[in-house]
Amino acid sequence: QGLEQGLEQGLEQGLEQGLEQGLEQGLEQERSLIVRQLGRKVGQLSPDTENQVKQLSFAQLDQLGEALLDFSTLGDLTDFLNGLNT
């Protein structure tokens, strides 16, 4: 019974850890995609701006992913990012 319980706990921990890593990798891929899209849409991002984007939460990245379709200048991105902080 102890072995069975240990195996069950190990399996739960492994699944939990795998799910957490998968979510983190997915978020990192989304950040990377949005940074690339922004570069194509408004031009090369400064390292500071790129870091700002990479620090956004999943919900904020989702908003940015939609909003960037309407951007035409780097100023549009700056305005968006400043709007998140107010």
C-alpha atoms as a PDB file:
ATOM      1  CA  GLN A   1       0.000   0.000   0.000  1.00  0.00           C
ATOM      2  CA  GLY A   2       2.895   2.394   0.733  1.00  0.00           C
ATOM      3  CA  LEU A   3       4.448   1.688  -2.651  1.00  0.00           C
ATOM      4  CA  GLU A   4       1.138   2.263  -4.386  1.00  0.00           C
ATOM      5  CA  GLN A   5       0.623   5.551  -2.560  1.00  0.00           C
ATOM      6  CA  GLY A   6       4.180   6.630  -3.415  1.00  0.00           C
ATOM      7  CA  LEU A   7       3.667   5.829  -7.077  1.00  0.00           C
ATOM      8  CA  GLU A   8       0.395   7.734  -7.111  1.00  0.00           C
ATOM      9  CA  GLN A   9       1.998  10.794  -5.510  1.00  0.00           C
ATOM     10  CA  GLY A  10       4.908  10.616  -7.942  1.00  0.00           C
ATOM     11  CA  LEU A  11       2.545  10.416 -10.877  1.00  0.00           C
ATOM     12  CA  GLU A  12       0.523  13.397  -9.622  1.00  0.00           C
ATOM     13  CA  GLN A  13       3.672  15.448  -9.110  1.00  0.00           C
ATOM     14  CA  GLY A  14       4.968  14.514 -12.553  1.00  0.00           C
ATOM     15  CA  LEU A  15       1.697  15.456 -14.235  1.00  0.00           C
ATOM     16  CA  GLU A  16       1.525  18.725 -12.338  1.00  0.00           C
ATOM     17  CA  GLN A  17       5.113  19.590 -13.186  1.00  0.00           C
ATOM     18  CA  GLY A  18       4.626  18.649 -16.843  1.00  0.00           C
ATOM     19  CA  LEU A  19       1.495  20.767 -17.114  1.00  0.00           C
ATOM     20  CA  GLU A  20       3.238  23.723 -15.508  1.00  0.00           C
ATOM     21  CA  GLN A  21       6.206  23.422 -17.871  1.00  0.00           C
ATOM     22  CA  GLY A  22       3.900  23.093 -20.868  1.00  0.00           C
ATOM     23  CA  LEU A  23       1.972  26.218 -19.928  1.00  0.00           C
ATOM     24  CA  GLU A  24       5.193  28.163 -19.418  1.00  0.00           C
ATOM     25  CA  GLN A  25       6.549  27.026 -22.791  1.00  0.00           C
ATOM     26  CA  GLY A  26       3.274  27.995 -24.483  1.00  0.00           C
ATOM     27  CA  LEU A  27       3.384  31.442 -22.902  1.00  0.00           C
ATOM     28  CA  GLU A  28       7.013  31.891 -23.977  1.00  0.00           C
ATOM     29  CA  GLN A  29       6.119  30.920 -27.551  1.00  0.00           C
ATOM     30  CA  GLU A  30       3.241  33.400 -27.574  1.00  0.00           C
ATOM     31  CA  ARG A  31       5.545  36.161 -26.319  1.00  0.00           C
ATOM     32  CA  SER A  32       8.048  35.352 -29.045  1.00  0.00           C
ATOM     33  CA  LEU A  33       5.372  35.350 -31.742  1.00  0.00           C
ATOM     34  CA  ILE A  34       3.954  38.699 -30.646  1.00  0.00           C
ATOM     35  CA  VAL A  35       7.426  40.278 -30.537  1.00  0.00           C
ATOM     36  CA  ARG A  36       8.045  39.064 -34.112  1.00  0.00           C
ATOM     37  CA  GLN A  37       4.649  40.331 -35.266  1.00  0.00           C
ATOM     38  CA  LEU A  38       5.277  43.713 -33.670  1.00  0.00           C
ATOM     39  CA  GLY A  39       8.650  43.926 -35.408  1.00  0.00           C
ATOM     40  CA  ARG A  40       7.010  43.344 -38.760  1.00  0.00           C
ATOM     41  CA  LYS A  41       4.134  45.713 -38.036  1.00  0.00           C
ATOM     42  CA  VAL A  42       5.892  48.733 -36.472  1.00  0.00           C
ATOM     43  CA  GLY A  43       9.611  48.088 -37.017  1.00  0.00           C
ATOM     44  CA  GLN A  44      12.485  46.981 -34.836  1.00  0.00           C
ATOM     45  CA  LEU A  45      11.693  47.136 -31.119  1.00  0.00           C
ATOM     46  CA  SER A  46      14.192  48.564 -28.672  1.00  0.00           C
ATOM     47  CA  PRO A  47      15.478  46.100 -26.068  1.00  0.00           C
ATOM     48  CA  ASP A  48      13.516  47.991 -23.375  1.00  0.00           C
ATOM     49  CA  THR A  49      10.263  47.772 -25.313  1.00  0.00           C
ATOM     50  CA  GLU A  50      10.841  44.103 -26.093  1.00  0.00           C
ATOM     51  CA  ASN A  51      11.433  43.436 -22.388  1.00  0.00           C
ATOM     52  CA  GLN A  52       8.233  45.290 -21.518  1.00  0.00           C
ATOM     53  CA  VAL A  53       6.292  43.052 -23.887  1.00  0.00           C
ATOM     54  CA  LYS A  54       7.955  39.921 -22.495  1.00  0.00           C
ATOM     55  CA  GLN A  55       6.884  40.899 -18.961  1.00  0.00           C
ATOM     56  CA  LEU A  56       3.181  41.063 -19.847  1.00  0.00           C
ATOM     57  CA  SER A  57       0.757  38.578 -18.336  1.00  0.00           C
ATOM     58  CA  PHE A  58      -1.073  36.074 -20.502  1.00  0.00           C
ATOM     59  CA  ALA A  59      -4.226  38.234 -20.498  1.00  0.00           C
ATOM     60  CA  GLN A  60      -2.231  41.341 -21.456  1.00  0.00           C
ATOM     61  CA  LEU A  61      -0.454  39.445 -24.247  1.00  0.00           C
ATOM     62  CA  ASP A  62      -3.835  38.356 -25.532  1.00  0.00           C
ATOM     63  CA  GLN A  63      -5.022  41.982 -25.593  1.00  0.00           C
ATOM     64  CA  LEU A  64      -1.816  43.085 -27.318  1.00  0.00           C
ATOM     65  CA  GLY A  65      -2.087  40.315 -29.889  1.00  0.00           C
ATOM     66  CA  GLU A  66      -5.455  41.669 -30.934  1.00  0.00           C
ATOM     67  CA  ALA A  67      -4.601  45.366 -30.631  1.00  0.00           C
ATOM     68  CA  LEU A  68      -1.429  45.128 -32.719  1.00  0.00           C
ATOM     69  CA  LEU A  69      -3.538  44.483 -35.799  1.00  0.00           C
ATOM     70  CA  ASP A  70      -4.509  48.157 -35.665  1.00  0.00           C
ATOM     71  CA  PHE A  71      -1.004  49.515 -34.958  1.00  0.00           C
ATOM     72  CA  SER A  72       0.794  51.472 -37.649  1.00  0.00           C
ATOM     73  CA  THR A  73       3.627  53.069 -35.658  1.00  0.00           C
ATOM     74  CA  LEU A  74       5.845  52.319 -32.700  1.00  0.00           C
ATOM     75  CA  GLY A  75       3.935  55.096 -30.925  1.00  0.00           C
ATOM     76  CA  ASP A  76       0.797  52.967 -31.074  1.00  0.00           C
ATOM     77  CA  LEU A  77       2.604  50.218 -29.184  1.00  0.00           C
ATOM     78  CA  THR A  78       3.990  52.707 -26.677  1.00  0.00           C
ATOM     79  CA  ASP A  79       0.511  54.126 -26.092  1.00  0.00           C
ATOM     80  CA  PHE A  80      -0.864  50.617 -25.592  1.00  0.00           C
ATOM     81  CA  LEU A  81       1.837  49.699 -23.079  1.00  0.00           C
ATOM     82  CA  ASN A  82       1.401  53.004 -21.210  1.00  0.00           C
ATOM     83  CA  GLY A  83      -2.350  52.389 -21.101  1.00  0.00           C
ATOM     84  CA  LEU A  84      -1.770  49.090 -19.304  1.00  0.00           C
ATOM     85  CA  ASN A  85       0.036  50.888 -16.486  1.00  0.00           C
ATOM     86  CA  THR A  86      -2.771  53.338 -15.758  1.00  0.00           C
END
